[in-house]
C-alpha atoms as a PDB file:
ATOM      1  CA  MET A   1      84.468 230.746 109.247  1.00  0.00           C
ATOM      2  CA  ALA A   2      87.109 230.711 111.127  1.00  0.00           C
ATOM      3  CA  ALA A   3      87.493 229.586 114.265  1.00  0.00           C
ATOM      4  CA  ASP A   4      85.585 231.248 117.825  1.00  0.00           C
ATOM      5  CA  ALA A   5      88.972 231.209 119.544  1.00  0.00           C
ATOM      6  CA  PHE A   6      90.208 233.002 117.160  1.00  0.00           C
ATOM      7  CA  VAL A   7      88.333 235.171 116.168  1.00  0.00           C
ATOM      8  CA  LYS A   8      88.132 236.432 119.820  1.00  0.00           C
ATOM      9  CA  LEU A   9      91.628 236.563 120.448  1.00  0.00           C
ATOM     10  CA  LEU A  10      91.747 238.656 117.085  1.00  0.00           C
ATOM     11  CA  ASN A  11      90.125 240.940 117.952  1.00  0.00           C
ATOM     12  CA  GLU A  12      92.439 241.425 120.929  1.00  0.00           C
ATOM     13  CA  GLN A  13      95.438 242.202 118.106  1.00  0.00           C
ATOM     14  CA  ILE A  14      93.387 244.812 116.252  1.00  0.00           C
ATOM     15  CA  ALA A  15      93.047 247.055 119.544  1.00  0.00           C
ATOM     16  CA  HIS A  16      97.642 245.787 120.542  1.00  0.00           C
ATOM     17  CA  GLU A  17      97.987 247.084 116.643  1.00  0.00           C
ATOM     18  CA  TYR A  18      95.838 250.019 117.236  1.00  0.00           C
ATOM     19  CA  ALA A  19      97.815 250.893 120.913  1.00  0.00           C
ATOM     20  CA  ALA A  20     101.144 249.838 118.837  1.00  0.00           C
ATOM     21  CA  HIS A  21     100.112 252.328 116.071  1.00  0.00           C
ATOM     22  CA  GLN A  22      99.353 254.919 118.544  1.00  0.00           C
ATOM     23  CA  GLN A  23     102.769 254.862 120.887  1.00  0.00           C
ATOM     24  CA  TYR A  24     104.434 255.391 117.634  1.00  0.00           C
ATOM     25  CA  VAL A  25     102.649 258.605 116.434  1.00  0.00           C
ATOM     26  CA  ALA A  26     103.958 259.657 119.761  1.00  0.00           C
ATOM     27  CA  CYS A  27     107.281 258.225 119.761  1.00  0.00           C
ATOM     28  CA  ALA A  28     107.641 259.904 115.714  1.00  0.00           C
ATOM     29  CA  VAL A  29     106.165 263.435 117.961  1.00  0.00           C
ATOM     30  CA  HIS A  30     108.584 262.803 120.788  1.00  0.00           C
ATOM     31  CA  TYR A  31     111.363 262.621 117.884  1.00  0.00           C
ATOM     32  CA  ASP A  32     110.127 265.950 116.022  1.00  0.00           C
ATOM     33  CA  ALA A  33     109.998 267.815 118.817  1.00  0.00           C
ATOM     34  CA  GLU A  34     113.085 266.705 119.126  1.00  0.00           C
ATOM     35  CA  THR A  35     114.439 268.468 115.720  1.00  0.00           C
ATOM     36  CA  LEU A  36     115.613 264.712 114.977  1.00  0.00           C
ATOM     37  CA  PRO A  37     113.456 264.170 111.265  1.00  0.00           C
ATOM     38  CA  GLN A  38     114.880 261.133 110.140  1.00  0.00           C
ATOM     39  CA  LEU A  39     113.606 259.259 112.736  1.00  0.00           C
ATOM     40  CA  ALA A  40     111.048 260.750 113.834  1.00  0.00           C
ATOM     41  CA  ARG A  41     109.828 260.081 109.661  1.00  0.00           C
ATOM     42  CA  PHE A  42     110.923 255.915 110.726  1.00  0.00           C
ATOM     43  CA  PHE A  43     107.721 256.320 113.679  1.00  0.00           C
ATOM     44  CA  TYR A  44     105.253 257.994 111.212  1.00  0.00           C
ATOM     45  CA  ALA A  45     105.977 255.345 109.030  1.00  0.00           C
ATOM     46  CA  GLN A  46     106.298 252.484 111.962  1.00  0.00           C
ATOM     47  CA  ALA A  47     102.686 254.511 113.015  1.00  0.00           C
ATOM     48  CA  LEU A  48     100.874 253.915 109.598  1.00  0.00           C
ATOM     49  CA  GLU A  49     101.987 249.815 109.465  1.00  0.00           C
ATOM     50  CA  GLU A  50     100.885 248.879 112.346  1.00  0.00           C
ATOM     51  CA  ARG A  51      97.398 250.792 112.139  1.00  0.00           C
ATOM     52  CA  ASP A  52      97.853 248.908 108.260  1.00  0.00           C
ATOM     53  CA  HIS A  53      98.217 245.451 109.834  1.00  0.00           C
ATOM     54  CA  ALA A  54      95.449 246.489 111.659  1.00  0.00           C
ATOM     55  CA  MET A  55      92.955 247.443 108.837  1.00  0.00           C
ATOM     56  CA  MET A  56      94.229 243.598 107.139  1.00  0.00           C
ATOM     57  CA  MET A  57      92.767 241.762 110.585  1.00  0.00           C
ATOM     58  CA  VAL A  58      89.876 243.355 110.785  1.00  0.00           C
ATOM     59  CA  GLN A  59      89.108 242.643 106.413  1.00  0.00           C
ATOM     60  CA  TYR A  60      89.818 239.347 106.983  1.00  0.00           C
ATOM     61  CA  LEU A  61      86.982 238.876 109.873  1.00  0.00           C
ATOM     62  CA  ILE A  62      84.924 241.076 107.619  1.00  0.00           C
ATOM     63  CA  ASP A  63      85.900 238.393 104.276  1.00  0.00           C
ATOM     64  CA  ALA A  64      85.706 235.526 107.318  1.00  0.00           C
ATOM     65  CA  ASP A  65      81.953 236.375 108.081  1.00  0.00           C
ATOM     66  CA  ALA A  66      83.022 237.155 111.240  1.00  0.00           C
ATOM     67  CA  ASP A  67      82.826 239.823 113.753  1.00  0.00           C
ATOM     68  CA  VAL A  68      84.709 242.997 114.016  1.00  0.00           C
ATOM     69  CA  VAL A  69      85.302 244.876 117.195  1.00  0.00           C
ATOM     70  CA  ILE A  70      86.975 248.214 116.841  1.00  0.00           C
ATOM     71  CA  PRO A  71      88.348 248.833 120.104  1.00  0.00           C
ATOM     72  CA  GLY A  72      89.223 251.746 122.414  1.00  0.00           C
ATOM     73  CA  VAL A  73      93.046 251.544 123.693  1.00  0.00           C
ATOM     74  CA  LEU A  74      94.353 252.697 126.384  1.00  0.00           C
ATOM     75  CA  ALA A  75      97.062 256.151 125.954  1.00  0.00           C
ATOM     76  CA  PRO A  76     101.153 255.257 124.637  1.00  0.00           C
ATOM     77  CA  GLN A  77     103.480 256.662 126.898  1.00  0.00           C
ATOM     78  CA  VAL A  78     104.833 260.283 125.281  1.00  0.00           C
ATOM     79  CA  ARG A  79     107.254 261.447 127.850  1.00  0.00           C
ATOM     80  CA  PHE A  80     111.015 259.589 127.659  1.00  0.00           C
ATOM     81  CA  ALA A  81     113.889 260.279 129.503  1.00  0.00           C
ATOM     82  CA  ASP A  82     116.067 260.397 126.857  1.00  0.00           C
ATOM     83  CA  ILE A  83     117.003 259.205 122.832  1.00  0.00           C
ATOM     84  CA  VAL A  84     116.982 255.632 123.447  1.00  0.00           C
ATOM     85  CA  GLU A  85     113.626 255.141 125.272  1.00  0.00           C
ATOM     86  CA  PRO A  86     111.142 255.441 122.886  1.00  0.00           C
ATOM     87  CA  VAL A  87     113.360 252.074 120.894  1.00  0.00           C
ATOM     88  CA  ALA A  88     113.905 250.770 123.315  1.00  0.00           C
ATOM     89  CA  LEU A  89     110.357 250.715 124.385  1.00  0.00           C
ATOM     90  CA  ALA A  90     109.721 249.964 120.177  1.00  0.00           C
ATOM     91  CA  LEU A  91     111.746 246.780 120.348  1.00  0.00           C
ATOM     92  CA  ALA A  92     110.048 245.722 123.701  1.00  0.00           C
ATOM     93  CA  GLN A  93     106.684 246.433 121.632  1.00  0.00           C
ATOM     94  CA  GLU A  94     107.592 244.159 118.780  1.00  0.00           C
ATOM     95  CA  LYS A  95     108.439 241.201 120.872  1.00  0.00           C
ATOM     96  CA  ARG A  96     105.366 241.967 123.042  1.00  0.00           C
ATOM     97  CA  VAL A  97     103.673 242.265 119.657  1.00  0.00           C
ATOM     98  CA  THR A  98     105.705 238.458 117.879  1.00  0.00           C
ATOM     99  CA  GLU A  99     104.110 236.635 121.065  1.00  0.00           C
ATOM    100  CA  GLN A 100     100.522 237.716 120.621  1.00  0.00           C
ATOM    101  CA  ILE A 101     101.068 236.800 116.731  1.00  0.00           C
ATOM    102  CA  ASN A 102     102.791 232.936 117.393  1.00  0.00           C
ATOM    103  CA  ALA A 103      99.836 233.033 120.380  1.00  0.00           C
ATOM    104  CA  LEU A 104      96.901 233.903 117.300  1.00  0.00           C
ATOM    105  CA  ALA A 105      98.935 231.398 114.302  1.00  0.00           C
ATOM    106  CA  GLY A 106      99.019 228.600 117.798  1.00  0.00           C
ATOM    107  CA  CYS A 107      95.404 229.151 118.060  1.00  0.00           C
ATOM    108  CA  ALA A 108      94.149 228.616 114.881  1.00  0.00           C
ATOM    109  CA  ARG A 109      96.284 225.447 114.542  1.00  0.00           C
ATOM    110  CA  ALA A 110      94.629 223.721 117.897  1.00  0.00           C
ATOM    111  CA  GLU A 111      91.288 224.607 116.563  1.00  0.00           C
ATOM    112  CA  GLY A 112      91.818 223.165 113.273  1.00  0.00           C
ATOM    113  CA  ASP A 113      91.801 226.194 111.496  1.00  0.00           C
ATOM    114  CA  TYR A 114      94.432 226.075 108.428  1.00  0.00           C
ATOM    115  CA  THR A 115      92.693 228.990 107.205  1.00  0.00           C
ATOM    116  CA  SER A 116      93.123 232.008 109.389  1.00  0.00           C
ATOM    117  CA  GLU A 117      96.367 229.735 109.975  1.00  0.00           C
ATOM    118  CA  GLN A 118      97.993 230.966 107.250  1.00  0.00           C
ATOM    119  CA  PHE A 119      96.278 234.057 107.459  1.00  0.00           C
ATOM    120  CA  MET A 120      98.795 234.751 110.045  1.00  0.00           C
ATOM    121  CA  GLN A 121     102.376 233.731 108.108  1.00  0.00           C
ATOM    122  CA  TRP A 122     102.262 236.680 107.013  1.00  0.00           C
ATOM    123  CA  PHE A 123     102.404 238.340 109.923  1.00  0.00           C
ATOM    124  CA  ILE A 124     104.732 236.026 111.687  1.00  0.00           C
ATOM    125  CA  LYS A 125     107.400 237.109 108.577  1.00  0.00           C
ATOM    126  CA  GLU A 126     106.943 240.457 109.128  1.00  0.00           C
ATOM    127  CA  GLN A 127     107.548 240.348 112.792  1.00  0.00           C
ATOM    128  CA  VAL A 128     110.837 238.908 112.191  1.00  0.00           C
ATOM    129  CA  GLU A 129     111.448 241.530 110.232  1.00  0.00           C
ATOM    130  CA  GLU A 130     110.354 243.933 113.130  1.00  0.00           C
ATOM    131  CA  VAL A 131     112.301 242.708 115.532  1.00  0.00           C
ATOM    132  CA  ALA A 132     115.247 242.419 113.531  1.00  0.00           C
ATOM    133  CA  THR A 133     114.671 246.223 112.387  1.00  0.00           C
ATOM    134  CA  MET A 134     114.263 247.776 116.419  1.00  0.00           C
ATOM    135  CA  SER A 135     117.147 246.016 117.395  1.00  0.00           C
ATOM    136  CA  ASP A 136     119.527 247.476 114.907  1.00  0.00           C
ATOM    137  CA  LEU A 137     118.306 251.196 115.912  1.00  0.00           C
ATOM    138  CA  LEU A 138     118.179 250.300 119.315  1.00  0.00           C
ATOM    139  CA  ARG A 139     121.929 249.397 118.798  1.00  0.00           C
ATOM    140  CA  VAL A 140     122.907 251.909 116.707  1.00  0.00           C
ATOM    141  CA  VAL A 141     120.616 254.881 119.303  1.00  0.00           C
ATOM    142  CA  GLU A 142     123.378 253.430 122.090  1.00  0.00           C
ATOM    143  CA  ARG A 143     126.116 253.892 120.323  1.00  0.00           C
ATOM    144  CA  SER A 144     125.664 257.425 118.900  1.00  0.00           C
ATOM    145  CA  LYS A 145     123.678 258.714 121.925  1.00  0.00           C
ATOM    146  CA  ASP A 146     125.655 261.259 122.612  1.00  0.00           C
ATOM    147  CA  ASP A 147     125.882 262.456 119.143  1.00  0.00           C
ATOM    148  CA  PRO A 148     122.381 262.247 117.590  1.00  0.00           C
ATOM    149  CA  MET A 149     122.977 264.168 114.514  1.00  0.00           C
ATOM    150  CA  ASP A 150     124.911 260.765 114.111  1.00  0.00           C
ATOM    151  CA  ILE A 151     122.310 258.657 114.054  1.00  0.00           C
ATOM    152  CA  GLU A 152     119.916 260.740 112.160  1.00  0.00           C
ATOM    153  CA  ASN A 153     123.020 260.268 109.258  1.00  0.00           C
ATOM    154  CA  PHE A 154     122.567 256.953 110.320  1.00  0.00           C
ATOM    155  CA  MET A 155     117.938 256.860 109.626  1.00  0.00           C
ATOM    156  CA  ALA A 156     118.902 258.986 106.146  1.00  0.00           C
ATOM    157  CA  ARG A 157     121.688 256.053 104.755  1.00  0.00           C
ATOM    158  CA  GLU A 158     120.466 252.915 105.922  1.00  0.00           C
ATOM    159  CA  MET A 159     116.811 252.982 107.474  1.00  0.00           C
ATOM    160  CA  ALA A 160     115.506 255.184 103.952  1.00  0.00           C
ATOM    161  CA  ASP A 161     112.896 254.078 102.869  1.00  0.00           C
ATOM    162  CA  SER A 162     113.571 252.044 100.075  1.00  0.00           C
ATOM    163  CA  GLU A 163     110.766 248.864 100.648  1.00  0.00           C
ATOM    164  CA  GLY A 164     107.503 248.938  98.635  1.00  0.00           C
ATOM    165  CA  ALA A 165     104.228 247.438  99.274  1.00  0.00           C
ATOM    166  CA  ASP A 166     104.887 244.106  99.799  1.00  0.00           C
ATOM    167  CA  PRO A 167     102.776 242.148  96.921  1.00  0.00           C
ATOM    168  CA  THR A 168     101.861 238.652  99.823  1.00  0.00           C
ATOM    169  CA  ALA A 169     100.699 241.089 102.479  1.00  0.00           C
ATOM    170  CA  PRO A 170      97.494 239.976 103.177  1.00  0.00           C
ATOM    171  CA  ALA A 171      94.671 243.272 102.179  1.00  0.00           C
ATOM    172  CA  ALA A 172      93.503 245.903 104.398  1.00  0.00           C
ATOM    173  CA  ALA A 173      90.372 247.162 105.172  1.00  0.00           C
ATOM    174  CA  GLY A 174      89.922 250.119 103.065  1.00  0.00           C
ATOM    175  CA  ALA A 175      92.330 250.059 100.507  1.00  0.00           C
ATOM    176  CA  GLY A 176      89.841 249.221  97.957  1.00  0.00           C
ATOM    177  CA  GLY A 177      92.015 246.373  96.066  1.00  0.00           C
END
């Protein structure tokens, strides 16, 4: 059974993951409206990833026979000053999520909840990748902000969805697996 303190924090994290999902949808819609399909595609995919993270956490709580709280979330930011702002916001969000994930792992360890600590290891690895990806993207967008087609070409060339499903990822609720 998962420690009560961990369950509380994980339920809060589910809310953060859903909020990140909504924020990434808003970023994608912004880029779609600006006719930047590669950036839009990237952020739509990021949104689905965040939703999947929430569902992985839901499944863990179900499997641990713990209460699951499906939260409402605040509306995301939908207006952006320029092409850079959504990516900068995304990087800040990923850094914040990294702190939250580390706090979850620390809580599990402090509570002697080694099963939950093990569950969090995949998310720690995932956050290293997410921060690196957003940091790289921010550098490209800042450098090429005056020519969005350079960004689109970079996205098509370097950020194409070549990643398959991670076989080490936790199961997501509703995934049927």
